[in-house]
Amino acid sequence: MKTLTANGQPIAAKLPCTIEEFLVAQNLLPRSVVVEHNGEAVAPSEFSRRELKAGDRLEIVKIVAGG
């Protein structure tokens, strides 16, 4: 296990992995979040192709529907 930072907290993860694999491991639905990887917004279509490495930084925001 290696470490990356998600929302300011260090998280141990099996790296390298894709953003999609990381989200699923964190019990998050990939289509219900917005992700920034190392300061760059990532389109949901890229989640399965963007690889995470030790030391990377993620900001993950859950999308909440309401009216």
Protein backbone atom coordinates (compact mmCIF):
# COMPACT_ATOMS: atom_id res chain seq x y z
CA MET A 1 0.00 0.00 0.00
CA LYS A 2 1.16 3.50 -0.86
CA THR A 3 -0.29 6.87 0.10
CA LEU A 4 -2.01 9.68 -1.74
CA THR A 5 -3.88 12.70 -0.40
CA ALA A 6 -7.65 12.95 -0.86
CA ASN A 7 -9.48 16.03 0.40
CA GLY A 8 -6.45 16.92 2.54
CA GLN A 9 -6.23 13.51 4.24
CA PRO A 10 -3.57 10.86 3.59
CA ILE A 11 -5.15 7.65 2.35
CA ALA A 12 -3.42 4.31 1.85
CA ALA A 13 -4.31 2.75 -1.50
CA LYS A 14 -3.16 -0.02 -3.78
CA LEU A 15 -1.22 2.08 -6.28
CA PRO A 16 -0.90 2.53 -9.15
CA CYS A 17 -4.62 2.40 -9.92
CA THR A 18 -7.11 4.42 -11.92
CA ILE A 19 -9.31 7.13 -10.44
CA GLU A 20 -12.30 4.85 -11.04
CA GLU A 21 -10.68 1.97 -9.13
CA PHE A 22 -9.79 4.31 -6.26
CA LEU A 23 -13.32 5.70 -6.03
CA VAL A 24 -14.87 2.23 -5.98
CA ALA A 25 -12.40 1.15 -3.25
CA GLN A 26 -13.57 4.18 -1.23
CA ASN A 27 -17.23 3.15 -1.72
CA LEU A 28 -17.95 6.13 -3.97
CA LEU A 29 -19.92 5.87 -7.19
CA PRO A 30 -17.74 7.34 -9.96
CA ARG A 31 -20.75 9.05 -11.59
CA SER A 32 -21.75 10.78 -8.34
CA VAL A 33 -18.55 12.79 -7.79
CA VAL A 34 -16.44 15.54 -9.30
CA VAL A 35 -12.68 14.95 -9.12
CA GLU A 36 -9.65 17.22 -9.30
CA HIS A 37 -6.33 15.38 -9.76
CA ASN A 38 -3.17 17.32 -8.89
CA GLY A 39 -5.01 20.61 -9.44
CA GLU A 40 -6.63 19.62 -12.74
CA ALA A 41 -10.36 18.89 -13.17
CA VAL A 42 -10.93 15.41 -14.58
CA ALA A 43 -13.89 14.53 -16.81
CA PRO A 44 -15.82 11.44 -15.65
CA SER A 45 -15.01 9.82 -19.01
CA GLU A 46 -11.31 9.93 -17.99
CA PHE A 47 -11.74 8.22 -14.60
CA SER A 48 -11.05 4.75 -16.03
CA ARG A 49 -7.91 5.95 -17.86
CA ARG A 50 -6.29 8.42 -15.43
CA GLU A 51 -3.70 6.63 -13.31
CA LEU A 52 -2.96 7.58 -9.72
CA LYS A 53 0.50 7.30 -8.17
CA ALA A 54 1.89 7.69 -4.67
CA GLY A 55 1.99 11.32 -3.62
CA ASP A 56 -0.84 12.44 -5.91
CA ARG A 57 -3.46 14.88 -4.61
CA LEU A 58 -7.20 14.47 -5.16
CA GLU A 59 -10.12 16.69 -4.32
CA ILE A 60 -13.38 14.74 -4.44
CA VAL A 61 -16.77 16.43 -4.19
CA LYS A 62 -20.03 14.47 -4.03
CA ILE A 63 -22.78 15.68 -6.34
CA VAL A 64 -26.03 16.23 -4.47
CA ALA A 65 -29.29 16.69 -6.34
CA GLY A 66 -31.99 18.87 -4.93
CA GLY A 67 -34.32 21.65 -5.68
